[in-house]
Amino acid sequence: MTAVPPLIVTQDNEFWFAAARDGRLVIQRCSDCGTLRHPPGPACPACCSFAWDTVESTRKAVLHSWTVIHHPQDPAFEYPLAVGLVDLEEGIRIVADIAGVDHDRLEPGTELEVCFVEHAHGEVLPQLRPPTIGVE
């Protein structure tokens, strides 16, 4: 049993979770001024417009910062658990757990890519991993 609560999916973020289930990372973009935003929201923080569309991310990321969590532990995760803040190629930041990298080798500027894995409650969320060379 996990203490991780289920996701709260709203009309403002459902498109993002649907894309994640399809293995795609999409970014909300203001249709009026072109500002990208994450997390998704109803109005543009730059011009207050409610008009938006999405752009698909390349999923290429550079590590900005991270933490390694040891406690408290939840059975939904493997510990120690690294969680990173990355700069996406498109210019926004996201937070996700990091897998496939020795935590002692993490440093600012480490290149990562966003992939998708099943988490608690069967939900699909982003995970950061070393880039796959030559695979699209």
Protein backbone atom coordinates (compact mmCIF):
# COMPACT_ATOMS: atom_id res chain seq x y z
CA MET A 1 0.00 0.00 0.00
CA THR A 2 1.27 3.45 -0.90
CA ALA A 3 0.72 6.80 0.76
CA VAL A 4 1.13 8.51 -2.63
CA PRO A 5 -2.17 10.21 -3.43
CA PRO A 6 -3.72 9.73 -6.88
CA LEU A 7 -3.17 12.46 -9.44
CA ILE A 8 -5.61 15.32 -9.53
CA VAL A 9 -6.64 15.64 -13.16
CA THR A 10 -8.55 18.77 -14.12
CA GLN A 11 -9.81 20.31 -17.35
CA ASP A 12 -6.65 22.44 -17.32
CA ASN A 13 -4.15 19.57 -17.18
CA GLU A 14 -5.93 16.51 -18.63
CA PHE A 15 -4.32 17.04 -22.06
CA TRP A 16 -0.88 16.76 -20.45
CA PHE A 17 -1.62 13.48 -18.66
CA ALA A 18 -3.26 12.06 -21.81
CA ALA A 19 -0.11 12.85 -23.82
CA ALA A 20 2.05 11.26 -21.10
CA ARG A 21 -0.01 8.06 -21.36
CA ASP A 22 0.86 8.10 -25.08
CA GLY A 23 4.57 8.59 -24.29
CA ARG A 24 4.62 12.21 -25.44
CA LEU A 25 5.75 15.30 -23.57
CA VAL A 26 3.67 18.31 -24.57
CA ILE A 27 4.03 21.89 -23.45
CA GLN A 28 1.17 24.35 -23.20
CA ARG A 29 1.68 27.44 -25.38
CA CYS A 30 -0.28 30.68 -25.41
CA SER A 31 -1.93 31.07 -28.83
CA ASP A 32 -1.80 34.86 -28.54
CA CYS A 33 1.75 35.64 -27.39
CA GLY A 34 3.54 32.28 -27.80
CA THR A 35 4.65 31.98 -24.16
CA LEU A 36 5.31 28.38 -23.08
CA ARG A 37 4.14 27.36 -19.63
CA HIS A 38 4.42 24.47 -17.25
CA PRO A 39 2.69 23.34 -15.20
CA PRO A 40 -0.42 23.76 -17.32
CA GLY A 41 -2.89 26.43 -16.33
CA PRO A 42 -6.01 28.15 -17.59
CA ALA A 43 -4.46 31.53 -18.46
CA CYS A 44 -1.18 32.79 -19.85
CA PRO A 45 1.00 34.34 -17.12
CA ALA A 46 2.44 36.80 -19.66
CA CYS A 47 -0.67 38.20 -21.37
CA CYS A 48 -3.61 36.65 -19.43
CA SER A 49 -5.06 35.06 -22.59
CA PHE A 50 -7.16 31.93 -22.21
CA ALA A 51 -6.30 30.77 -25.77
CA TRP A 52 -3.71 28.00 -25.96
CA ASP A 53 -2.40 25.08 -27.94
CA THR A 54 0.50 22.68 -27.38
CA VAL A 55 3.94 21.97 -28.79
CA GLU A 56 5.60 18.59 -28.54
CA SER A 57 8.91 18.56 -26.69
CA THR A 58 12.07 16.97 -28.04
CA ARG A 59 12.36 15.52 -24.49
CA LYS A 60 16.01 16.63 -24.38
CA ALA A 61 16.91 18.05 -20.99
CA VAL A 62 19.84 19.40 -18.98
CA LEU A 63 20.01 18.90 -15.24
CA HIS A 64 19.63 22.17 -13.34
CA SER A 65 19.37 20.85 -9.79
CA TRP A 66 18.48 17.67 -7.91
CA THR A 67 18.04 16.07 -4.54
CA VAL A 68 18.46 12.49 -3.38
CA ILE A 69 15.71 11.32 -1.05
CA HIS A 70 16.37 8.61 1.53
CA HIS A 71 13.46 9.05 3.97
CA PRO A 72 10.57 8.79 4.47
CA GLN A 73 10.25 5.78 2.22
CA ASP A 74 7.13 4.75 0.36
CA PRO A 75 6.78 1.34 -1.33
CA ALA A 76 5.87 3.07 -4.61
CA PHE A 77 9.52 4.12 -5.10
CA GLU A 78 13.01 2.64 -5.00
CA TYR A 79 15.46 4.33 -2.64
CA PRO A 80 17.61 6.29 -2.62
CA LEU A 81 15.42 8.29 -5.03
CA ALA A 82 16.94 11.08 -7.09
CA VAL A 83 14.54 13.83 -8.17
CA GLY A 84 15.72 16.39 -10.69
CA LEU A 85 14.78 19.81 -11.96
CA VAL A 86 15.69 19.99 -15.65
CA ASP A 87 15.75 22.65 -18.32
CA LEU A 88 14.02 21.34 -21.43
CA GLU A 89 15.40 22.29 -24.83
CA GLU A 90 12.24 24.35 -25.39
CA GLY A 91 13.07 26.63 -22.45
CA ILE A 92 10.83 25.46 -19.60
CA ARG A 93 11.61 23.38 -16.53
CA ILE A 94 10.03 20.21 -15.24
CA VAL A 95 10.59 18.01 -12.19
CA ALA A 96 10.82 14.21 -12.39
CA ASP A 97 12.62 11.32 -10.78
CA ILE A 98 15.97 10.23 -12.24
CA ALA A 99 16.79 6.63 -13.14
CA GLY A 100 19.70 4.86 -14.78
CA VAL A 101 22.37 7.23 -13.41
CA ASP A 102 24.65 6.72 -10.43
CA HIS A 103 23.57 9.54 -8.11
CA ASP A 104 27.22 10.35 -7.33
CA ARG A 105 27.75 11.14 -11.02
CA LEU A 106 25.01 13.77 -11.21
CA GLU A 107 26.15 17.34 -11.73
CA PRO A 108 24.64 20.53 -13.14
CA GLY A 109 24.62 20.33 -16.91
CA THR A 110 24.22 16.54 -17.09
CA GLU A 111 22.33 15.71 -20.28
CA LEU A 112 19.16 13.69 -19.73
CA GLU A 113 16.05 12.78 -21.67
CA VAL A 114 12.46 12.45 -20.62
CA CYS A 115 10.86 9.03 -20.91
CA PHE A 116 7.65 7.76 -19.37
CA VAL A 117 7.04 5.06 -16.77
CA GLU A 118 4.14 3.76 -14.77
CA HIS A 119 4.00 5.10 -11.23
CA ALA A 120 1.68 4.56 -8.28
CA HIS A 121 -1.98 3.87 -9.09
CA GLY A 122 -1.04 2.90 -12.68
CA GLU A 123 -0.46 6.52 -13.68
CA VAL A 124 2.14 7.31 -16.36
CA LEU A 125 4.54 10.12 -15.52
CA PRO A 126 7.86 11.46 -16.82
CA GLN A 127 11.17 10.01 -15.69
CA LEU A 128 14.64 11.35 -16.47
CA ARG A 129 17.28 9.01 -17.89
CA PRO A 130 20.59 9.24 -19.72
CA PRO A 131 20.01 10.03 -23.40
CA THR A 132 19.60 7.16 -25.84
CA ILE A 133 22.17 7.68 -28.57
CA GLY A 134 20.84 7.42 -32.12
CA VAL A 135 17.36 6.21 -31.18
CA GLU A 136 14.32 8.30 -32.02
